[in-house]
Amino acid sequence: MNYFKLAAAAYFIIINIIGWVLPVIDKKKARNGQWRIPEKTLFIVAALGGSVAMLISMKKRRHKTLHKRFMIGIPCIIFIQLAAVSAAVYLYLSRA
């Protein structure tokens, strides 16, 4: 396995762990009346690749599930990411 593949795998593991943990932390902070994680931060992490883990975590913890912005936005991010990956794979395979 070359370094690029290893780095990409490590990146996606780390960003998905972050995507999983942020809603959990935000939910705990909400219950305790503490400072919350900005919604912008949650969307940035989702856009950087943590969207699937974040969506699963939000649904499992029932956090932000009543917010249309999240229940529509995160799946839209996932769709865009899937389209981008599909296009990249198609272009890569069509060159070979």
PDB file of N, CA and C in Angstrom:
ATOM      1  N   MET A   1       0.857  -1.176   0.000  1.00  0.00           N
ATOM      2  CA  MET A   1       0.000   0.000   0.000  1.00  0.00           C
ATOM      3  C   MET A   1       0.902   1.238   0.000  1.00  0.00           C
ATOM      4  N   ASN A   2       0.663   2.137  -0.929  1.00  0.00           N
ATOM      5  CA  ASN A   2       1.514   3.321  -0.971  1.00  0.00           C
ATOM      6  C   ASN A   2       1.074   4.349   0.076  1.00  0.00           C
ATOM      7  N   TYR A   3       1.909   5.357   0.250  1.00  0.00           N
ATOM      8  CA  TYR A   3       1.669   6.344   1.302  1.00  0.00           C
ATOM      9  C   TYR A   3       0.398   7.156   1.094  1.00  0.00           C
ATOM     10  N   PHE A   4       0.040   7.424  -0.164  1.00  0.00           N
ATOM     11  CA  PHE A   4      -1.179   8.184  -0.423  1.00  0.00           C
ATOM     12  C   PHE A   4      -2.410   7.429   0.062  1.00  0.00           C
ATOM     13  N   LYS A   5      -2.482   6.150  -0.252  1.00  0.00           N
ATOM     14  CA  LYS A   5      -3.629   5.351   0.174  1.00  0.00           C
ATOM     15  C   LYS A   5      -3.681   5.245   1.695  1.00  0.00           C
ATOM     16  N   LEU A   6      -2.524   5.073   2.300  1.00  0.00           N
ATOM     17  CA  LEU A   6      -2.457   4.984   3.756  1.00  0.00           C
ATOM     18  C   LEU A   6      -2.885   6.304   4.406  1.00  0.00           C
ATOM     19  N   ALA A   7      -2.401   7.416   3.861  1.00  0.00           N
ATOM     20  CA  ALA A   7      -2.770   8.734   4.393  1.00  0.00           C
ATOM     21  C   ALA A   7      -4.260   9.003   4.194  1.00  0.00           C
ATOM     22  N   ALA A   8      -4.798   8.628   3.036  1.00  0.00           N
ATOM     23  CA  ALA A   8      -6.226   8.837   2.771  1.00  0.00           C
ATOM     24  C   ALA A   8      -7.078   8.003   3.722  1.00  0.00           C
ATOM     25  N   ALA A   9      -6.680   6.760   3.944  1.00  0.00           N
ATOM     26  CA  ALA A   9      -7.422   5.903   4.871  1.00  0.00           C
ATOM     27  C   ALA A   9      -7.367   6.464   6.288  1.00  0.00           C
ATOM     28  N   ALA A  10      -6.190   6.908   6.713  1.00  0.00           N
ATOM     29  CA  ALA A  10      -6.045   7.487   8.052  1.00  0.00           C
ATOM     30  C   ALA A  10      -6.891   8.749   8.185  1.00  0.00           C
ATOM     31  N   TYR A  11      -6.890   9.592   7.144  1.00  0.00           N
ATOM     32  CA  TYR A  11      -7.690  10.818   7.162  1.00  0.00           C
ATOM     33  C   TYR A  11      -9.171  10.499   7.345  1.00  0.00           C
ATOM     34  N   PHE A  12      -9.687   9.567   6.553  1.00  0.00           N
ATOM     35  CA  PHE A  12     -11.117   9.273   6.631  1.00  0.00           C
ATOM     36  C   PHE A  12     -11.500   8.594   7.940  1.00  0.00           C
ATOM     37  N   ILE A  13     -10.617   7.816   8.498  1.00  0.00           N
ATOM     38  CA  ILE A  13     -10.889   7.238   9.816  1.00  0.00           C
ATOM     39  C   ILE A  13     -10.957   8.339  10.860  1.00  0.00           C
ATOM     40  N   ILE A  14      -9.987   9.245  10.842  1.00  0.00           N
ATOM     41  CA  ILE A  14      -9.939  10.327  11.834  1.00  0.00           C
ATOM     42  C   ILE A  14     -11.118  11.284  11.679  1.00  0.00           C
ATOM     43  N   ILE A  15     -11.423  11.701  10.445  1.00  0.00           N
ATOM     44  CA  ILE A  15     -12.512  12.665  10.247  1.00  0.00           C
ATOM     45  C   ILE A  15     -13.853  12.040  10.609  1.00  0.00           C
ATOM     46  N   ASN A  16     -14.007  10.736  10.418  1.00  0.00           N
ATOM     47  CA  ASN A  16     -15.261  10.096  10.805  1.00  0.00           C
ATOM     48  C   ASN A  16     -15.356   9.898  12.313  1.00  0.00           C
ATOM     49  N   ILE A  17     -14.244   9.687  12.971  1.00  0.00           N
ATOM     50  CA  ILE A  17     -14.267   9.651  14.440  1.00  0.00           C
ATOM     51  C   ILE A  17     -14.675  11.020  14.970  1.00  0.00           C
ATOM     52  N   ILE A  18     -14.105  12.067  14.397  1.00  0.00           N
ATOM     53  CA  ILE A  18     -14.484  13.426  14.806  1.00  0.00           C
ATOM     54  C   ILE A  18     -15.960  13.669  14.508  1.00  0.00           C
ATOM     55  N   GLY A  19     -16.416  13.239  13.321  1.00  0.00           N
ATOM     56  CA  GLY A  19     -17.827  13.394  12.945  1.00  0.00           C
ATOM     57  C   GLY A  19     -18.765  12.645  13.875  1.00  0.00           C
ATOM     58  N   TRP A  20     -18.317  11.542  14.422  1.00  0.00           N
ATOM     59  CA  TRP A  20     -19.119  10.767  15.367  1.00  0.00           C
ATOM     60  C   TRP A  20     -19.147  11.446  16.738  1.00  0.00           C
ATOM     61  N   VAL A  21     -18.004  11.945  17.177  1.00  0.00           N
ATOM     62  CA  VAL A  21     -17.858  12.447  18.543  1.00  0.00           C
ATOM     63  C   VAL A  21     -18.459  13.846  18.734  1.00  0.00           C
ATOM     64  N   LEU A  22     -18.362  14.716  17.738  1.00  0.00           N
ATOM     65  CA  LEU A  22     -18.850  16.092  17.910  1.00  0.00           C
ATOM     66  C   LEU A  22     -20.321  16.184  18.312  1.00  0.00           C
ATOM     67  N   PRO A  23     -21.249  15.461  17.665  1.00  0.00           N
ATOM     68  CA  PRO A  23     -22.644  15.526  18.120  1.00  0.00           C
ATOM     69  C   PRO A  23     -22.831  14.996  19.543  1.00  0.00           C
ATOM     70  N   VAL A  24     -22.037  14.007  19.922  1.00  0.00           N
ATOM     71  CA  VAL A  24     -22.123  13.466  21.285  1.00  0.00           C
ATOM     72  C   VAL A  24     -21.708  14.537  22.291  1.00  0.00           C
ATOM     73  N   ILE A  25     -20.604  15.212  22.005  1.00  0.00           N
ATOM     74  CA  ILE A  25     -20.125  16.279  22.892  1.00  0.00           C
ATOM     75  C   ILE A  25     -21.135  17.416  22.941  1.00  0.00           C
ATOM     76  N   ASP A  26     -21.664  17.803  21.765  1.00  0.00           N
ATOM     77  CA  ASP A  26     -22.621  18.908  21.717  1.00  0.00           C
ATOM     78  C   ASP A  26     -23.887  18.574  22.496  1.00  0.00           C
ATOM     79  N   LYS A  27     -24.334  17.336  22.421  1.00  0.00           N
ATOM     80  CA  LYS A  27     -25.532  16.917  23.167  1.00  0.00           C
ATOM     81  C   LYS A  27     -25.285  17.014  24.674  1.00  0.00           C
ATOM     82  N   LYS A  28     -24.114  16.564  25.122  1.00  0.00           N
ATOM     83  CA  LYS A  28     -23.786  16.647  26.548  1.00  0.00           C
ATOM     84  C   LYS A  28     -23.720  18.102  27.003  1.00  0.00           C
ATOM     85  N   LYS A  29     -23.122  18.951  26.174  1.00  0.00           N
ATOM     86  CA  LYS A  29     -23.033  20.369  26.524  1.00  0.00           C
ATOM     87  C   LYS A  29     -24.420  21.010  26.564  1.00  0.00           C
ATOM     88  N   ALA A  30     -25.297  20.596  25.665  1.00  0.00           N
ATOM     89  CA  ALA A  30     -26.660  21.137  25.642  1.00  0.00           C
ATOM     90  C   ALA A  30     -27.407  20.758  26.913  1.00  0.00           C
ATOM     91  N   ARG A  31     -27.249  19.518  27.349  1.00  0.00           N
ATOM     92  CA  ARG A  31     -27.917  19.071  28.570  1.00  0.00           C
ATOM     93  C   ARG A  31     -27.412  19.811  29.803  1.00  0.00           C
ATOM     94  N   ASN A  32     -26.126  20.158  29.797  1.00  0.00           N
ATOM     95  CA  ASN A  32     -25.527  20.820  30.957  1.00  0.00           C
ATOM     96  C   ASN A  32     -25.572  22.343  30.871  1.00  0.00           C
ATOM     97  N   GLY A  33     -26.169  22.882  29.806  1.00  0.00           N
ATOM     98  CA  GLY A  33     -26.273  24.321  29.652  1.00  0.00           C
ATOM     99  C   GLY A  33     -24.925  24.994  29.415  1.00  0.00           C
ATOM    100  N   GLN A  34     -23.991  24.273  28.826  1.00  0.00           N
ATOM    101  CA  GLN A  34     -22.660  24.813  28.570  1.00  0.00           C
ATOM    102  C   GLN A  34     -22.562  25.381  27.166  1.00  0.00           C
ATOM    103  N   TRP A  35     -21.396  25.949  26.866  1.00  0.00           N
ATOM    104  CA  TRP A  35     -21.103  26.468  25.546  1.00  0.00           C
ATOM    105  C   TRP A  35     -21.224  25.347  24.533  1.00  0.00           C
ATOM    106  N   ARG A  36     -21.867  25.635  23.401  1.00  0.00           N
ATOM    107  CA  ARG A  36     -22.143  24.604  22.392  1.00  0.00           C
ATOM    108  C   ARG A  36     -21.164  24.681  21.232  1.00  0.00           C
ATOM    109  N   ILE A  37     -21.068  23.579  20.512  1.00  0.00           N
ATOM    110  CA  ILE A  37     -20.266  23.548  19.290  1.00  0.00           C
ATOM    111  C   ILE A  37     -21.060  24.263  18.202  1.00  0.00           C
ATOM    112  N   PRO A  38     -20.454  25.245  17.531  1.00  0.00           N
ATOM    113  CA  PRO A  38     -21.193  25.982  16.492  1.00  0.00           C
ATOM    114  C   PRO A  38     -21.674  25.060  15.369  1.00  0.00           C
ATOM    115  N   GLU A  39     -22.868  25.351  14.851  1.00  0.00           N
ATOM    116  CA  GLU A  39     -23.415  24.556  13.758  1.00  0.00           C
ATOM    117  C   GLU A  39     -22.490  24.587  12.551  1.00  0.00           C
ATOM    118  N   LYS A  40     -21.854  25.724  12.335  1.00  0.00           N
ATOM    119  CA  LYS A  40     -20.917  25.862  11.220  1.00  0.00           C
ATOM    120  C   LYS A  40     -19.801  24.816  11.323  1.00  0.00           C
ATOM    121  N   THR A  41     -19.309  24.596  12.530  1.00  0.00           N
ATOM    122  CA  THR A  41     -18.252  23.605  12.753  1.00  0.00           C
ATOM    123  C   THR A  41     -18.746  22.212  12.406  1.00  0.00           C
ATOM    124  N   LEU A  42     -19.966  21.894  12.805  1.00  0.00           N
ATOM    125  CA  LEU A  42     -20.535  20.583  12.504  1.00  0.00           C
ATOM    126  C   LEU A  42     -20.650  20.372  10.993  1.00  0.00           C
ATOM    127  N   PHE A  43     -21.101  21.401  10.284  1.00  0.00           N
ATOM    128  CA  PHE A  43     -21.225  21.284   8.831  1.00  0.00           C
ATOM    129  C   PHE A  43     -19.860  21.200   8.147  1.00  0.00           C
ATOM    130  N   ILE A  44     -18.880  21.911   8.659  1.00  0.00           N
ATOM    131  CA  ILE A  44     -17.534  21.847   8.069  1.00  0.00           C
ATOM    132  C   ILE A  44     -16.965  20.440   8.214  1.00  0.00           C
ATOM    133  N   VAL A  45     -17.101  19.855   9.394  1.00  0.00           N
ATOM    134  CA  VAL A  45     -16.605  18.490   9.602  1.00  0.00           C
ATOM    135  C   VAL A  45     -17.336  17.516   8.686  1.00  0.00           C
ATOM    136  N   ALA A  46     -18.643  17.700   8.525  1.00  0.00           N
ATOM    137  CA  ALA A  46     -19.414  16.845   7.625  1.00  0.00           C
ATOM    138  C   ALA A  46     -18.910  16.997   6.186  1.00  0.00           C
ATOM    139  N   ALA A  47     -18.681  18.223   5.770  1.00  0.00           N
ATOM    140  CA  ALA A  47     -18.225  18.476   4.399  1.00  0.00           C
ATOM    141  C   ALA A  47     -16.817  17.945   4.158  1.00  0.00           C
ATOM    142  N   LEU A  48     -16.017  17.882   5.193  1.00  0.00           N
ATOM    143  CA  LEU A  48     -14.648  17.374   5.050  1.00  0.00           C
ATOM    144  C   LEU A  48     -14.573  15.851   5.038  1.00  0.00           C
ATOM    145  N   GLY A  49     -15.717  15.183   5.142  1.00  0.00           N
ATOM    146  CA  GLY A  49     -15.725  13.735   5.020  1.00  0.00           C
ATOM    147  C   GLY A  49     -16.342  12.984   6.184  1.00  0.00           C
ATOM    148  N   GLY A  50     -16.754  13.684   7.225  1.00  0.00           N
ATOM    149  CA  GLY A  50     -17.317  13.010   8.387  1.00  0.00           C
ATOM    150  C   GLY A  50     -18.832  12.945   8.393  1.00  0.00           C
ATOM    151  N   SER A  51     -19.436  13.132   7.233  1.00  0.00           N
ATOM    152  CA  SER A  51     -20.893  13.261   7.155  1.00  0.00           C
ATOM    153  C   SER A  51     -21.650  11.980   7.515  1.00  0.00           C
ATOM    154  N   VAL A  52     -21.181  10.844   7.059  1.00  0.00           N
ATOM    155  CA  VAL A  52     -21.902   9.591   7.324  1.00  0.00           C
ATOM    156  C   VAL A  52     -21.878   9.278   8.817  1.00  0.00           C
ATOM    157  N   ALA A  53     -20.699   9.360   9.428  1.00  0.00           N
ATOM    158  CA  ALA A  53     -20.591   9.090  10.865  1.00  0.00           C
ATOM    159  C   ALA A  53     -21.397  10.108  11.662  1.00  0.00           C
ATOM    160  N   MET A  54     -21.378  11.369  11.218  1.00  0.00           N
ATOM    161  CA  MET A  54     -22.122  12.401  11.931  1.00  0.00           C
ATOM    162  C   MET A  54     -23.625  12.152  11.853  1.00  0.00           C
ATOM    163  N   LEU A  55     -24.120  11.777  10.691  1.00  0.00           N
ATOM    164  CA  LEU A  55     -25.550  11.510  10.544  1.00  0.00           C
ATOM    165  C   LEU A  55     -25.975  10.328  11.421  1.00  0.00           C
ATOM    166  N   ILE A  56     -25.188   9.281  11.418  1.00  0.00           N
ATOM    167  CA  ILE A  56     -25.507   8.115  12.253  1.00  0.00           C
ATOM    168  C   ILE A  56     -25.479   8.490  13.725  1.00  0.00           C
ATOM    169  N   SER A  57     -24.459   9.246  14.132  1.00  0.00           N
ATOM    170  CA  SER A  57     -24.334   9.664  15.525  1.00  0.00           C
ATOM    171  C   SER A  57     -25.499  10.553  15.947  1.00  0.00           C
ATOM    172  N   MET A  58     -25.893  11.485  15.072  1.00  0.00           N
ATOM    173  CA  MET A  58     -27.002  12.376  15.403  1.00  0.00           C
ATOM    174  C   MET A  58     -28.295  11.588  15.565  1.00  0.00           C
ATOM    175  N   LYS A  59     -28.525  10.630  14.698  1.00  0.00           N
ATOM    176  CA  LYS A  59     -29.753   9.837  14.802  1.00  0.00           C
ATOM    177  C   LYS A  59     -29.728   8.919  16.013  1.00  0.00           C
ATOM    178  N   LYS A  60     -28.578   8.335  16.283  1.00  0.00           N
ATOM    179  CA  LYS A  60     -28.466   7.427  17.421  1.00  0.00           C
ATOM    180  C   LYS A  60     -28.663   8.180  18.733  1.00  0.00           C
ATOM    181  N   ARG A  61     -28.112   9.369  18.845  1.00  0.00           N
ATOM    182  CA  ARG A  61     -28.215  10.183  20.067  1.00  0.00           C
ATOM    183  C   ARG A  61     -29.431  11.098  20.077  1.00  0.00           C
ATOM    184  N   ARG A  62     -30.184  11.098  18.989  1.00  0.00           N
ATOM    185  CA  ARG A  62     -31.338  11.998  18.844  1.00  0.00           C
ATOM    186  C   ARG A  62     -30.942  13.448  19.088  1.00  0.00           C
ATOM    187  N   HIS A  63     -29.891  13.844  18.406  1.00  0.00           N
ATOM    188  CA  HIS A  63     -29.390  15.210  18.546  1.00  0.00           C
ATOM    189  C   HIS A  63     -29.485  15.914  17.202  1.00  0.00           C
ATOM    190  N   LYS A  64     -30.122  17.055  17.197  1.00  0.00           N
ATOM    191  CA  LYS A  64     -30.333  17.877  16.007  1.00  0.00           C
ATOM    192  C   LYS A  64     -31.275  17.217  15.003  1.00  0.00           C
ATOM    193  N   THR A  65     -31.996  16.187  15.411  1.00  0.00           N
ATOM    194  CA  THR A  65     -32.876  15.489  14.476  1.00  0.00           C
ATOM    195  C   THR A  65     -34.152  16.275  14.172  1.00  0.00           C
ATOM    196  N   LEU A  66     -34.464  17.257  14.970  1.00  0.00           N
ATOM    197  CA  LEU A  66     -35.635  18.092  14.708  1.00  0.00           C
ATOM    198  C   LEU A  66     -35.282  19.340  13.909  1.00  0.00           C
ATOM    199  N   HIS A  67     -33.993  19.520  13.629  1.00  0.00           N
ATOM    200  CA  HIS A  67     -33.528  20.670  12.864  1.00  0.00           C
ATOM    201  C   HIS A  67     -33.487  20.291  11.388  1.00  0.00           C
ATOM    202  N   LYS A  68     -34.366  20.917  10.593  1.00  0.00           N
ATOM    203  CA  LYS A  68     -34.417  20.607   9.166  1.00  0.00           C
ATOM    204  C   LYS A  68     -33.080  20.882   8.487  1.00  0.00           C
ATOM    205  N   ARG A  69     -32.377  21.897   8.975  1.00  0.00           N
ATOM    206  CA  ARG A  69     -31.094  22.250   8.387  1.00  0.00           C
ATOM    207  C   ARG A  69     -30.144  21.053   8.429  1.00  0.00           C
ATOM    208  N   PHE A  70     -30.182  20.290   9.500  1.00  0.00           N
ATOM    209  CA  PHE A  70     -29.294  19.134   9.633  1.00  0.00           C
ATOM    210  C   PHE A  70     -29.865  17.897   8.956  1.00  0.00           C
ATOM    211  N   MET A  71     -31.143  17.665   9.084  1.00  0.00           N
ATOM    212  CA  MET A  71     -31.733  16.455   8.526  1.00  0.00           C
ATOM    213  C   MET A  71     -31.863  16.521   7.006  1.00  0.00           C
ATOM    214  N   ILE A  72     -31.737  17.698   6.442  1.00  0.00           N
ATOM    215  CA  ILE A  72     -31.683  17.840   4.984  1.00  0.00           C
ATOM    216  C   ILE A  72     -30.242  18.106   4.543  1.00  0.00           C
ATOM    217  N   GLY A  73     -29.548  18.946   5.285  1.00  0.00           N
ATOM    218  CA  GLY A  73     -28.199  19.358   4.909  1.00  0.00           C
ATOM    219  C   GLY A  73     -27.177  18.239   4.911  1.00  0.00           C
ATOM    220  N   ILE A  74     -27.157  17.434   5.970  1.00  0.00           N
ATOM    221  CA  ILE A  74     -26.159  16.358   6.056  1.00  0.00           C
ATOM    222  C   ILE A  74     -26.386  15.311   4.958  1.00  0.00           C
ATOM    223  N   PRO A  75     -27.620  14.847   4.724  1.00  0.00           N
ATOM    224  CA  PRO A  75     -27.814  13.925   3.594  1.00  0.00           C
ATOM    225  C   PRO A  75     -27.446  14.547   2.236  1.00  0.00           C
ATOM    226  N   CYS A  76     -27.676  15.847   2.071  1.00  0.00           N
ATOM    227  CA  CYS A  76     -27.263  16.517   0.826  1.00  0.00           C
ATOM    228  C   CYS A  76     -25.743  16.495   0.677  1.00  0.00           C
ATOM    229  N   ILE A  77     -25.041  16.723   1.778  1.00  0.00           N
ATOM    230  CA  ILE A  77     -23.581  16.657   1.753  1.00  0.00           C
ATOM    231  C   ILE A  77     -23.137  15.242   1.373  1.00  0.00           C
ATOM    232  N   ILE A  78     -23.779  14.238   1.950  1.00  0.00           N
ATOM    233  CA  ILE A  78     -23.440  12.848   1.618  1.00  0.00           C
ATOM    234  C   ILE A  78     -23.663  12.594   0.132  1.00  0.00           C
ATOM    235  N   PHE A  79     -24.783  13.058  -0.408  1.00  0.00           N
ATOM    236  CA  PHE A  79     -25.079  12.864  -1.825  1.00  0.00           C
ATOM    237  C   PHE A  79     -24.016  13.525  -2.698  1.00  0.00           C
ATOM    238  N   ILE A  80     -23.636  14.752  -2.365  1.00  0.00           N
ATOM    239  CA  ILE A  80     -22.610  15.472  -3.139  1.00  0.00           C
ATOM    240  C   ILE A  80     -21.277  14.733  -3.062  1.00  0.00           C
ATOM    241  N   GLN A  81     -20.936  14.238  -1.862  1.00  0.00           N
ATOM    242  CA  GLN A  81     -19.692  13.492  -1.710  1.00  0.00           C
ATOM    243  C   GLN A  81     -19.709  12.204  -2.530  1.00  0.00           C
ATOM    244  N   LEU A  82     -20.823  11.497  -2.514  1.00  0.00           N
ATOM    245  CA  LEU A  82     -20.939  10.270  -3.310  1.00  0.00           C
ATOM    246  C   LEU A  82     -20.833  10.573  -4.805  1.00  0.00           C
ATOM    247  N   ALA A  83     -21.439  11.661  -5.237  1.00  0.00           N
ATOM    248  CA  ALA A  83     -21.354  12.050  -6.643  1.00  0.00           C
ATOM    249  C   ALA A  83     -19.912  12.403  -7.016  1.00  0.00           C
ATOM    250  N   ALA A  84     -19.216  13.118  -6.134  1.00  0.00           N
ATOM    251  CA  ALA A  84     -17.830  13.493  -6.408  1.00  0.00           C
ATOM    252  C   ALA A  84     -16.919  12.273  -6.460  1.00  0.00           C
ATOM    253  N   VAL A  85     -17.103  11.353  -5.527  1.00  0.00           N
ATOM    254  CA  VAL A  85     -16.287  10.131  -5.521  1.00  0.00           C
ATOM    255  C   VAL A  85     -16.599   9.290  -6.748  1.00  0.00           C
ATOM    256  N   SER A  86     -17.871   9.178  -7.099  1.00  0.00           N
ATOM    257  CA  SER A  86     -18.251   8.410  -8.290  1.00  0.00           C
ATOM    258  C   SER A  86     -17.636   9.012  -9.551  1.00  0.00           C
ATOM    259  N   ALA A  87     -17.669  10.329  -9.659  1.00  0.00           N
ATOM    260  CA  ALA A  87     -17.080  10.998 -10.822  1.00  0.00           C
ATOM    261  C   ALA A  87     -15.571  10.778 -10.858  1.00  0.00           C
ATOM    262  N   ALA A  88     -14.924  10.869  -9.704  1.00  0.00           N
ATOM    263  CA  ALA A  88     -13.475  10.669  -9.644  1.00  0.00           C
ATOM    264  C   ALA A  88     -13.106   9.235 -10.039  1.00  0.00           C
ATOM    265  N   VAL A  89     -13.856   8.261  -9.546  1.00  0.00           N
ATOM    266  CA  VAL A  89     -13.591   6.858  -9.890  1.00  0.00           C
ATOM    267  C   VAL A  89     -13.835   6.638 -11.378  1.00  0.00           C
ATOM    268  N   TYR A  90     -14.912   7.187 -11.902  1.00  0.00           N
ATOM    269  CA  TYR A  90     -15.197   7.039 -13.320  1.00  0.00           C
ATOM    270  C   TYR A  90     -14.076   7.634 -14.180  1.00  0.00           C
ATOM    271  N   LEU A  91     -13.647   8.841 -13.839  1.00  0.00           N
ATOM    272  CA  LEU A  91     -12.563   9.476 -14.598  1.00  0.00           C
ATOM    273  C   LEU A  91     -11.271   8.689 -14.487  1.00  0.00           C
ATOM    274  N   TYR A  92     -10.990   8.177 -13.301  1.00  0.00           N
ATOM    275  CA  TYR A  92      -9.780   7.385 -13.104  1.00  0.00           C
ATOM    276  C   TYR A  92      -9.819   6.105 -13.919  1.00  0.00           C
ATOM    277  N   LEU A  93     -10.955   5.430 -13.898  1.00  0.00           N
ATOM    278  CA  LEU A  93     -11.070   4.164 -14.634  1.00  0.00           C
ATOM    279  C   LEU A  93     -11.127   4.386 -16.151  1.00  0.00           C
ATOM    280  N   SER A  94     -11.670   5.518 -16.580  1.00  0.00           N
ATOM    281  CA  SER A  94     -11.753   5.767 -18.016  1.00  0.00           C
ATOM    282  C   SER A  94     -10.379   6.123 -18.595  1.00  0.00           C
ATOM    283  N   ARG A  95      -9.450   6.562 -17.765  1.00  0.00           N
ATOM    284  CA  ARG A  95      -8.095   6.881 -18.214  1.00  0.00           C
ATOM    285  C   ARG A  95      -7.250   5.624 -18.342  1.00  0.00           C
ATOM    286  N   ALA A  96      -7.598   4.601 -17.599  1.00  0.00           N
ATOM    287  CA  ALA A  96      -6.759   3.384 -17.566  1.00  0.00           C
ATOM    288  C   ALA A  96      -6.886   2.530 -18.792  1.00  0.00           C
TER     289      ALA A  96
END
